[in-house]
PDB file of N, CA and C in Angstrom:
ATOM      1  N   UNK A   1     -17.817  25.972  23.730  1.00  0.00           N
ATOM      2  CA  UNK A   1     -19.202  25.871  24.164  1.00  0.00           C
ATOM      3  C   UNK A   1     -19.864  27.238  24.055  1.00  0.00           C
ATOM      4  N   UNK A   2     -21.152  27.206  23.853  1.00  0.00           N
ATOM      5  CA  UNK A   2     -21.936  28.427  23.787  1.00  0.00           C
ATOM      6  C   UNK A   2     -23.229  28.206  24.566  1.00  0.00           C
ATOM      7  N   UNK A   3     -23.997  29.224  24.698  1.00  0.00           N
ATOM      8  CA  UNK A   3     -25.309  29.099  25.316  1.00  0.00           C
ATOM      9  C   UNK A   3     -26.356  29.017  24.221  1.00  0.00           C
ATOM     10  N   UNK A   4     -27.484  28.385  24.541  1.00  0.00           N
ATOM     11  CA  UNK A   4     -28.553  28.147  23.574  1.00  0.00           C
ATOM     12  C   UNK A   4     -29.882  28.559  24.181  1.00  0.00           C
ATOM     13  N   UNK A   5     -30.693  29.219  23.379  1.00  0.00           N
ATOM     14  CA  UNK A   5     -32.055  29.565  23.803  1.00  0.00           C
ATOM     15  C   UNK A   5     -32.983  28.493  23.248  1.00  0.00           C
ATOM     16  N   UNK A   6     -33.881  27.997  24.096  1.00  0.00           N
ATOM     17  CA  UNK A   6     -34.717  26.857  23.734  1.00  0.00           C
ATOM     18  C   UNK A   6     -36.208  27.198  23.734  1.00  0.00           C
ATOM     19  N   UNK A   7     -37.013  26.165  23.598  1.00  0.00           N
ATOM     20  CA  UNK A   7     -38.453  26.278  23.380  1.00  0.00           C
ATOM     21  C   UNK A   7     -39.222  27.221  24.314  1.00  0.00           C
ATOM     22  N   UNK A   8     -38.932  27.267  25.610  1.00  0.00           N
ATOM     23  CA  UNK A   8     -39.733  28.154  26.464  1.00  0.00           C
ATOM     24  C   UNK A   8     -39.729  29.628  26.042  1.00  0.00           C
ATOM     25  N   UNK A   9     -38.771  30.035  25.228  1.00  0.00           N
ATOM     26  CA  UNK A   9     -38.713  31.427  24.763  1.00  0.00           C
ATOM     27  C   UNK A   9     -39.750  31.727  23.680  1.00  0.00           C
ATOM     28  N   UNK A  10     -40.244  30.678  23.010  1.00  0.00           N
ATOM     29  CA  UNK A  10     -41.173  30.887  21.900  1.00  0.00           C
ATOM     30  C   UNK A  10     -42.386  31.679  22.378  1.00  0.00           C
ATOM     31  N   UNK A  11     -42.668  32.749  21.665  1.00  0.00           N
ATOM     32  CA  UNK A  11     -43.784  33.669  21.929  1.00  0.00           C
ATOM     33  C   UNK A  11     -43.669  34.412  23.261  1.00  0.00           C
ATOM     34  N   UNK A  12     -42.495  34.373  23.884  1.00  0.00           N
ATOM     35  CA  UNK A  12     -42.251  35.144  25.105  1.00  0.00           C
ATOM     36  C   UNK A  12     -41.317  36.304  24.776  1.00  0.00           C
ATOM     37  N   UNK A  13     -40.121  35.980  24.325  1.00  0.00           N
ATOM     38  CA  UNK A  13     -39.121  36.964  23.913  1.00  0.00           C
ATOM     39  C   UNK A  13     -38.871  38.067  24.937  1.00  0.00           C
ATOM     40  N   UNK A  14     -38.834  37.706  26.204  1.00  0.00           N
ATOM     41  CA  UNK A  14     -38.430  38.659  27.234  1.00  0.00           C
ATOM     42  C   UNK A  14     -36.969  39.003  26.954  1.00  0.00           C
ATOM     43  N   UNK A  15     -36.651  40.255  26.869  1.00  0.00           N
ATOM     44  CA  UNK A  15     -35.310  40.656  26.456  1.00  0.00           C
ATOM     45  C   UNK A  15     -34.369  40.963  27.628  1.00  0.00           C
ATOM     46  N   UNK A  16     -34.651  40.417  28.804  1.00  0.00           N
ATOM     47  CA  UNK A  16     -33.739  40.587  29.937  1.00  0.00           C
ATOM     48  C   UNK A  16     -32.352  40.074  29.586  1.00  0.00           C
ATOM     49  N   UNK A  17     -32.299  38.989  28.839  1.00  0.00           N
ATOM     50  CA  UNK A  17     -31.006  38.412  28.448  1.00  0.00           C
ATOM     51  C   UNK A  17     -30.247  39.341  27.508  1.00  0.00           C
ATOM     52  N   UNK A  18     -30.965  40.006  26.628  1.00  0.00           N
ATOM     53  CA  UNK A  18     -30.339  40.953  25.697  1.00  0.00           C
ATOM     54  C   UNK A  18     -29.694  42.085  26.490  1.00  0.00           C
ATOM     55  N   UNK A  19     -30.399  42.553  27.508  1.00  0.00           N
ATOM     56  CA  UNK A  19     -29.921  43.683  28.307  1.00  0.00           C
ATOM     57  C   UNK A  19     -28.645  43.371  29.087  1.00  0.00           C
ATOM     58  N   UNK A  20     -28.465  42.119  29.517  1.00  0.00           N
ATOM     59  CA  UNK A  20     -27.285  41.787  30.326  1.00  0.00           C
ATOM     60  C   UNK A  20     -26.112  41.223  29.524  1.00  0.00           C
ATOM     61  N   UNK A  21     -26.327  40.892  28.281  1.00  0.00           N
ATOM     62  CA  UNK A  21     -25.260  40.288  27.479  1.00  0.00           C
ATOM     63  C   UNK A  21     -24.148  41.308  27.221  1.00  0.00           C
ATOM     64  N   UNK A  22     -22.917  41.019  27.668  1.00  0.00           N
ATOM     65  CA  UNK A  22     -21.834  41.991  27.503  1.00  0.00           C
ATOM     66  C   UNK A  22     -21.295  42.105  26.078  1.00  0.00           C
ATOM     67  N   UNK A  23     -21.659  41.150  25.207  1.00  0.00           N
ATOM     68  CA  UNK A  23     -21.140  41.188  23.832  1.00  0.00           C
ATOM     69  C   UNK A  23     -22.248  41.322  22.783  1.00  0.00           C
ATOM     70  N   UNK A  24     -23.464  41.591  23.209  1.00  0.00           N
ATOM     71  CA  UNK A  24     -24.592  41.800  22.288  1.00  0.00           C
ATOM     72  C   UNK A  24     -24.747  40.681  21.270  1.00  0.00           C
ATOM     73  N   UNK A  25     -24.700  39.429  21.733  1.00  0.00           N
ATOM     74  CA  UNK A  25     -24.804  38.302  20.802  1.00  0.00           C
ATOM     75  C   UNK A  25     -26.192  37.694  20.745  1.00  0.00           C
ATOM     76  N   UNK A  26     -27.172  38.302  21.427  1.00  0.00           N
ATOM     77  CA  UNK A  26     -28.533  37.769  21.437  1.00  0.00           C
ATOM     78  C   UNK A  26     -29.403  38.639  20.541  1.00  0.00           C
ATOM     79  N   UNK A  27     -30.073  37.975  19.608  1.00  0.00           N
ATOM     80  CA  UNK A  27     -30.865  38.684  18.600  1.00  0.00           C
ATOM     81  C   UNK A  27     -32.220  38.003  18.432  1.00  0.00           C
ATOM     82  N   UNK A  28     -33.222  38.668  17.901  1.00  0.00           N
ATOM     83  CA  UNK A  28     -33.172  40.064  17.487  1.00  0.00           C
ATOM     84  C   UNK A  28     -33.355  41.002  18.671  1.00  0.00           C
ATOM     85  N   UNK A  29     -32.663  42.113  18.603  1.00  0.00           N
ATOM     86  CA  UNK A  29     -32.899  43.191  19.558  1.00  0.00           C
ATOM     87  C   UNK A  29     -34.223  43.849  19.162  1.00  0.00           C
ATOM     88  N   UNK A  30     -34.783  44.650  20.026  1.00  0.00           N
ATOM     89  CA  UNK A  30     -36.092  45.247  19.761  1.00  0.00           C
ATOM     90  C   UNK A  30     -36.132  45.979  18.425  1.00  0.00           C
ATOM     91  N   UNK A  31     -35.058  46.687  18.083  1.00  0.00           N
ATOM     92  CA  UNK A  31     -35.059  47.452  16.830  1.00  0.00           C
ATOM     93  C   UNK A  31     -34.741  46.592  15.606  1.00  0.00           C
ATOM     94  N   UNK A  32     -34.430  45.315  15.804  1.00  0.00           N
ATOM     95  CA  UNK A  32     -34.148  44.395  14.699  1.00  0.00           C
ATOM     96  C   UNK A  32     -35.305  43.436  14.439  1.00  0.00           C
ATOM     97  N   UNK A  33     -36.267  43.410  15.326  1.00  0.00           N
ATOM     98  CA  UNK A  33     -37.326  42.403  15.290  1.00  0.00           C
ATOM     99  C   UNK A  33     -38.110  42.447  13.986  1.00  0.00           C
ATOM    100  N   UNK A  34     -38.188  41.287  13.340  1.00  0.00           N
ATOM    101  CA  UNK A  34     -38.954  41.156  12.100  1.00  0.00           C
ATOM    102  C   UNK A  34     -40.015  40.070  12.262  1.00  0.00           C
ATOM    103  N   UNK A  35     -40.547  39.960  13.449  1.00  0.00           N
ATOM    104  CA  UNK A  35     -41.593  38.989  13.714  1.00  0.00           C
ATOM    105  C   UNK A  35     -41.101  37.621  14.155  1.00  0.00           C
ATOM    106  N   UNK A  36     -39.826  37.515  14.540  1.00  0.00           N
ATOM    107  CA  UNK A  36     -39.318  36.239  15.029  1.00  0.00           C
ATOM    108  C   UNK A  36     -40.127  35.799  16.250  1.00  0.00           C
ATOM    109  N   UNK A  37     -40.264  34.492  16.418  1.00  0.00           N
ATOM    110  CA  UNK A  37     -41.059  33.984  17.529  1.00  0.00           C
ATOM    111  C   UNK A  37     -40.246  33.776  18.804  1.00  0.00           C
ATOM    112  N   UNK A  38     -38.913  33.872  18.686  1.00  0.00           N
ATOM    113  CA  UNK A  38     -38.057  33.692  19.859  1.00  0.00           C
ATOM    114  C   UNK A  38     -36.751  34.439  19.640  1.00  0.00           C
ATOM    115  N   UNK A  39     -35.894  34.416  20.646  1.00  0.00           N
ATOM    116  CA  UNK A  39     -34.571  35.029  20.557  1.00  0.00           C
ATOM    117  C   UNK A  39     -33.534  33.945  20.269  1.00  0.00           C
ATOM    118  N   UNK A  40     -32.387  34.371  19.750  1.00  0.00           N
ATOM    119  CA  UNK A  40     -31.325  33.442  19.371  1.00  0.00           C
ATOM    120  C   UNK A  40     -29.972  33.981  19.822  1.00  0.00           C
ATOM    121  N   UNK A  41     -29.077  33.081  20.215  1.00  0.00           N
ATOM    122  CA  UNK A  41     -27.717  33.448  20.611  1.00  0.00           C
ATOM    123  C   UNK A  41     -26.767  33.083  19.478  1.00  0.00           C
ATOM    124  N   UNK A  42     -25.979  34.054  19.047  1.00  0.00           N
ATOM    125  CA  UNK A  42     -25.010  33.801  17.975  1.00  0.00           C
ATOM    126  C   UNK A  42     -23.855  32.981  18.557  1.00  0.00           C
ATOM    127  N   UNK A  43     -23.677  31.735  18.099  1.00  0.00           N
ATOM    128  CA  UNK A  43     -22.663  30.869  18.706  1.00  0.00           C
ATOM    129  C   UNK A  43     -21.222  31.334  18.495  1.00  0.00           C
ATOM    130  N   UNK A  44     -20.967  32.098  17.454  1.00  0.00           N
ATOM    131  CA  UNK A  44     -19.605  32.580  17.211  1.00  0.00           C
ATOM    132  C   UNK A  44     -19.268  33.830  18.020  1.00  0.00           C
ATOM    133  N   UNK A  45     -20.286  34.486  18.569  1.00  0.00           N
ATOM    134  CA  UNK A  45     -20.074  35.716  19.330  1.00  0.00           C
ATOM    135  C   UNK A  45     -20.196  35.512  20.839  1.00  0.00           C
ATOM    136  N   UNK A  46     -20.889  34.462  21.248  1.00  0.00           N
ATOM    137  CA  UNK A  46     -21.094  34.179  22.673  1.00  0.00           C
ATOM    138  C   UNK A  46     -19.749  33.886  23.339  1.00  0.00           C
ATOM    139  N   UNK A  47     -19.514  34.518  24.491  1.00  0.00           N
ATOM    140  CA  UNK A  47     -18.257  34.310  25.222  1.00  0.00           C
ATOM    141  C   UNK A  47     -18.446  33.373  26.424  1.00  0.00           C
ATOM    142  N   UNK A  48     -19.593  32.727  26.498  1.00  0.00           N
ATOM    143  CA  UNK A  48     -19.861  31.726  27.530  1.00  0.00           C
ATOM    144  C   UNK A  48     -19.823  32.277  28.947  1.00  0.00           C
ATOM    145  N   UNK A  49     -20.230  33.514  29.120  1.00  0.00           N
ATOM    146  CA  UNK A  49     -20.188  34.120  30.453  1.00  0.00           C
ATOM    147  C   UNK A  49     -21.354  33.670  31.330  1.00  0.00           C
ATOM    148  N   UNK A  50     -22.472  33.270  30.714  1.00  0.00           N
ATOM    149  CA  UNK A  50     -23.618  32.798  31.471  1.00  0.00           C
ATOM    150  C   UNK A  50     -24.510  33.877  32.046  1.00  0.00           C
ATOM    151  N   UNK A  51     -24.238  35.129  31.759  1.00  0.00           N
ATOM    152  CA  UNK A  51     -25.049  36.225  32.314  1.00  0.00           C
ATOM    153  C   UNK A  51     -26.517  36.097  31.916  1.00  0.00           C
ATOM    154  N   UNK A  52     -26.770  35.622  30.728  1.00  0.00           N
ATOM    155  CA  UNK A  52     -28.131  35.522  30.205  1.00  0.00           C
ATOM    156  C   UNK A  52     -28.949  34.443  30.911  1.00  0.00           C
ATOM    157  N   UNK A  53     -28.304  33.359  31.265  1.00  0.00           N
ATOM    158  CA  UNK A  53     -29.006  32.196  31.809  1.00  0.00           C
ATOM    159  C   UNK A  53     -29.794  32.531  33.073  1.00  0.00           C
ATOM    160  N   UNK A  54     -29.191  33.250  33.976  1.00  0.00           N
ATOM    161  CA  UNK A  54     -29.833  33.515  35.269  1.00  0.00           C
ATOM    162  C   UNK A  54     -30.956  34.540  35.206  1.00  0.00           C
ATOM    163  N   UNK A  55     -31.008  35.352  34.167  1.00  0.00           N
ATOM    164  CA  UNK A  55     -32.058  36.376  34.096  1.00  0.00           C
ATOM    165  C   UNK A  55     -33.256  35.953  33.256  1.00  0.00           C
ATOM    166  N   UNK A  56     -33.192  34.803  32.624  1.00  0.00           N
ATOM    167  CA  UNK A  56     -34.300  34.350  31.779  1.00  0.00           C
ATOM    168  C   UNK A  56     -35.488  33.959  32.655  1.00  0.00           C
ATOM    169  N   UNK A  57     -36.633  34.637  32.506  1.00  0.00           N
ATOM    170  CA  UNK A  57     -37.775  34.368  33.375  1.00  0.00           C
ATOM    171  C   UNK A  57     -38.493  33.051  33.067  1.00  0.00           C
ATOM    172  N   UNK A  58     -38.187  32.430  31.918  1.00  0.00           N
ATOM    173  CA  UNK A  58     -38.861  31.182  31.553  1.00  0.00           C
ATOM    174  C   UNK A  58     -37.890  29.993  31.480  1.00  0.00           C
ATOM    175  N   UNK A  59     -36.690  30.168  31.996  1.00  0.00           N
ATOM    176  CA  UNK A  59     -35.665  29.119  32.020  1.00  0.00           C
ATOM    177  C   UNK A  59     -35.489  28.481  30.643  1.00  0.00           C
ATOM    178  N   UNK A  60     -35.244  29.325  29.654  1.00  0.00           N
ATOM    179  CA  UNK A  60     -35.079  28.856  28.277  1.00  0.00           C
ATOM    180  C   UNK A  60     -33.625  28.787  27.846  1.00  0.00           C
ATOM    181  N   UNK A  61     -32.703  29.292  28.650  1.00  0.00           N
ATOM    182  CA  UNK A  61     -31.302  29.395  28.244  1.00  0.00           C
ATOM    183  C   UNK A  61     -30.448  28.390  29.014  1.00  0.00           C
ATOM    184  N   UNK A  62     -29.648  27.648  28.243  1.00  0.00           N
ATOM    185  CA  UNK A  62     -28.787  26.615  28.813  1.00  0.00           C
ATOM    186  C   UNK A  62     -27.410  26.674  28.173  1.00  0.00           C
ATOM    187  N   UNK A  63     -26.390  26.279  28.927  1.00  0.00           N
ATOM    188  CA  UNK A  63     -25.092  26.019  28.312  1.00  0.00           C
ATOM    189  C   UNK A  63     -25.318  24.875  27.330  1.00  0.00           C
ATOM    190  N   UNK A  64     -24.622  24.910  26.214  1.00  0.00           N
ATOM    191  CA  UNK A  64     -24.839  23.913  25.160  1.00  0.00           C
ATOM    192  C   UNK A  64     -24.810  22.483  25.700  1.00  0.00           C
ATOM    193  N   UNK A  65     -23.890  22.181  26.565  1.00  0.00           N
ATOM    194  CA  UNK A  65     -23.770  20.827  27.116  1.00  0.00           C
ATOM    195  C   UNK A  65     -24.922  20.456  28.044  1.00  0.00           C
ATOM    196  N   UNK A  66     -25.672  21.446  28.519  1.00  0.00           N
ATOM    197  CA  UNK A  66     -26.749  21.206  29.477  1.00  0.00           C
ATOM    198  C   UNK A  66     -28.148  21.305  28.885  1.00  0.00           C
ATOM    199  N   UNK A  67     -28.257  21.492  27.581  1.00  0.00           N
ATOM    200  CA  UNK A  67     -29.582  21.587  26.957  1.00  0.00           C
ATOM    201  C   UNK A  67     -30.298  20.250  27.162  1.00  0.00           C
ATOM    202  N   UNK A  68     -31.526  20.278  27.707  1.00  0.00           N
ATOM    203  CA  UNK A  68     -32.267  19.027  27.892  1.00  0.00           C
ATOM    204  C   UNK A  68     -32.442  18.290  26.555  1.00  0.00           C
ATOM    205  N   UNK A  69     -32.440  16.971  26.614  1.00  0.00           N
ATOM    206  CA  UNK A  69     -32.545  16.161  25.400  1.00  0.00           C
ATOM    207  C   UNK A  69     -33.726  16.568  24.521  1.00  0.00           C
ATOM    208  N   UNK A  70     -34.860  16.885  25.138  1.00  0.00           N
ATOM    209  CA  UNK A  70     -36.051  17.217  24.350  1.00  0.00           C
ATOM    210  C   UNK A  70     -35.888  18.512  23.555  1.00  0.00           C
ATOM    211  N   UNK A  71     -34.872  19.316  23.865  1.00  0.00           N
ATOM    212  CA  UNK A  71     -34.651  20.586  23.165  1.00  0.00           C
ATOM    213  C   UNK A  71     -33.296  20.655  22.464  1.00  0.00           C
ATOM    214  N   UNK A  72     -32.635  19.520  22.283  1.00  0.00           N
ATOM    215  CA  UNK A  72     -31.295  19.503  21.671  1.00  0.00           C
ATOM    216  C   UNK A  72     -31.271  20.173  20.299  1.00  0.00           C
ATOM    217  N   UNK A  73     -32.363  20.065  19.531  1.00  0.00           N
ATOM    218  CA  UNK A  73     -32.397  20.655  18.185  1.00  0.00           C
ATOM    219  C   UNK A  73     -32.260  22.171  18.212  1.00  0.00           C
ATOM    220  N   UNK A  74     -32.496  22.792  19.346  1.00  0.00           N
ATOM    221  CA  UNK A  74     -32.391  24.246  19.438  1.00  0.00           C
ATOM    222  C   UNK A  74     -30.943  24.734  19.358  1.00  0.00           C
ATOM    223  N   UNK A  75     -29.984  23.876  19.668  1.00  0.00           N
ATOM    224  CA  UNK A  75     -28.580  24.267  19.521  1.00  0.00           C
ATOM    225  C   UNK A  75     -28.280  24.540  18.052  1.00  0.00           C
ATOM    226  N   UNK A  76     -28.669  23.622  17.190  1.00  0.00           N
ATOM    227  CA  UNK A  76     -28.476  23.812  15.749  1.00  0.00           C
ATOM    228  C   UNK A  76     -29.351  24.945  15.222  1.00  0.00           C
ATOM    229  N   UNK A  77     -30.559  25.039  15.748  1.00  0.00           N
ATOM    230  CA  UNK A  77     -31.486  26.085  15.318  1.00  0.00           C
ATOM    231  C   UNK A  77     -30.924  27.480  15.606  1.00  0.00           C
ATOM    232  N   UNK A  78     -30.295  27.659  16.771  1.00  0.00           N
ATOM    233  CA  UNK A  78     -29.691  28.953  17.100  1.00  0.00           C
ATOM    234  C   UNK A  78     -28.617  29.311  16.088  1.00  0.00           C
ATOM    235  N   UNK A  79     -27.774  28.352  15.730  1.00  0.00           N
ATOM    236  CA  UNK A  79     -26.713  28.606  14.747  1.00  0.00           C
ATOM    237  C   UNK A  79     -27.307  28.878  13.367  1.00  0.00           C
ATOM    238  N   UNK A  80     -28.309  28.096  12.987  1.00  0.00           N
ATOM    239  CA  UNK A  80     -28.919  28.257  11.662  1.00  0.00           C
ATOM    240  C   UNK A  80     -29.604  29.603  11.491  1.00  0.00           C
ATOM    241  N   UNK A  81     -30.124  30.158  12.567  1.00  0.00           N
ATOM    242  CA  UNK A  81     -30.773  31.469  12.485  1.00  0.00           C
ATOM    243  C   UNK A  81     -29.825  32.507  11.893  1.00  0.00           C
ATOM    244  N   UNK A  82     -28.554  32.397  12.195  1.00  0.00           N
ATOM    245  CA  UNK A  82     -27.568  33.371  11.723  1.00  0.00           C
ATOM    246  C   UNK A  82     -26.967  33.004  10.368  1.00  0.00           C
ATOM    247  N   UNK A  83     -27.156  31.765   9.919  1.00  0.00           N
ATOM    248  CA  UNK A  83     -26.570  31.311   8.657  1.00  0.00           C
ATOM    249  C   UNK A  83     -27.562  31.233   7.508  1.00  0.00           C
ATOM    250  N   UNK A  84     -28.843  31.084   7.813  1.00  0.00           N
ATOM    251  CA  UNK A  84     -29.844  30.810   6.784  1.00  0.00           C
ATOM    252  C   UNK A  84     -30.741  32.011   6.530  1.00  0.00           C
ATOM    253  N   UNK A  85     -31.324  32.008   5.349  1.00  0.00           N
ATOM    254  CA  UNK A  85     -32.367  32.995   5.074  1.00  0.00           C
ATOM    255  C   UNK A  85     -33.620  32.558   5.836  1.00  0.00           C
ATOM    256  N   UNK A  86     -34.564  33.460   5.967  1.00  0.00           N
ATOM    257  CA  UNK A  86     -35.822  33.148   6.643  1.00  0.00           C
ATOM    258  C   UNK A  86     -36.510  31.969   5.953  1.00  0.00           C
ATOM    259  N   UNK A  87     -36.442  31.938   4.622  1.00  0.00           N
ATOM    260  CA  UNK A  87     -37.082  30.877   3.844  1.00  0.00           C
ATOM    261  C   UNK A  87     -36.391  29.523   4.073  1.00  0.00           C
ATOM    262  N   UNK A  88     -35.066  29.533   4.103  1.00  0.00           N
ATOM    263  CA  UNK A  88     -34.318  28.291   4.355  1.00  0.00           C
ATOM    264  C   UNK A  88     -34.610  27.760   5.758  1.00  0.00           C
ATOM    265  N   UNK A  89     -34.663  28.670   6.721  1.00  0.00           N
ATOM    266  CA  UNK A  89     -34.955  28.292   8.099  1.00  0.00           C
ATOM    267  C   UNK A  89     -36.339  27.652   8.177  1.00  0.00           C
ATOM    268  N   UNK A  90     -37.333  28.281   7.552  1.00  0.00           N
ATOM    269  CA  UNK A  90     -38.707  27.770   7.573  1.00  0.00           C
ATOM    270  C   UNK A  90     -38.799  26.399   6.906  1.00  0.00           C
ATOM    271  N   UNK A  91     -38.073  26.218   5.813  1.00  0.00           N
ATOM    272  CA  UNK A  91     -38.097  24.930   5.114  1.00  0.00           C
ATOM    273  C   UNK A  91     -37.505  23.823   5.990  1.00  0.00           C
ATOM    274  N   UNK A  92     -36.454  24.127   6.715  1.00  0.00           N
ATOM    275  CA  UNK A  92     -35.788  23.123   7.547  1.00  0.00           C
ATOM    276  C   UNK A  92     -36.575  22.804   8.810  1.00  0.00           C
ATOM    277  N   UNK A  93     -37.134  23.839   9.455  1.00  0.00           N
ATOM    278  CA  UNK A  93     -37.765  23.648  10.759  1.00  0.00           C
ATOM    279  C   UNK A  93     -39.294  23.678  10.739  1.00  0.00           C
ATOM    280  N   UNK A  94     -39.882  23.954   9.593  1.00  0.00           N
ATOM    281  CA  UNK A  94     -41.333  23.946   9.489  1.00  0.00           C
ATOM    282  C   UNK A  94     -42.016  25.131  10.141  1.00  0.00           C
ATOM    283  N   UNK A  95     -41.250  26.180  10.402  1.00  0.00           N
ATOM    284  CA  UNK A  95     -41.816  27.409  10.973  1.00  0.00           C
ATOM    285  C   UNK A  95     -40.858  28.562  10.713  1.00  0.00           C
ATOM    286  N   UNK A  96     -41.395  29.761  10.773  1.00  0.00           N
ATOM    287  CA  UNK A  96     -40.541  30.938  10.650  1.00  0.00           C
ATOM    288  C   UNK A  96     -39.664  31.043  11.892  1.00  0.00           C
ATOM    289  N   UNK A  97     -38.534  31.756  11.742  1.00  0.00           N
ATOM    290  CA  UNK A  97     -37.664  31.920  12.912  1.00  0.00           C
ATOM    291  C   UNK A  97     -38.374  32.691  13.991  1.00  0.00           C
TER     292      UNK A  97
END
């Protein structure tokens, strides 16, 4: 299981979660930002500690099993952010990452 960042993060990108993550698996960090509209958790790097969930000011972070049905697509979207080019991501989801 991993954690997933969902819709409430869009256009917010509060980086409190980045600051508390012990394995630096939440991207983009401030110095990596290329105009992404939200933050993403790398599913292969997340250690499921949950530190990020409690500090999110917009309640956008959930354990994968607890993602509300209306935001289930964000689990795949988080993984795709790390696997796809910006163009591939936009083609699949109809928006830039």
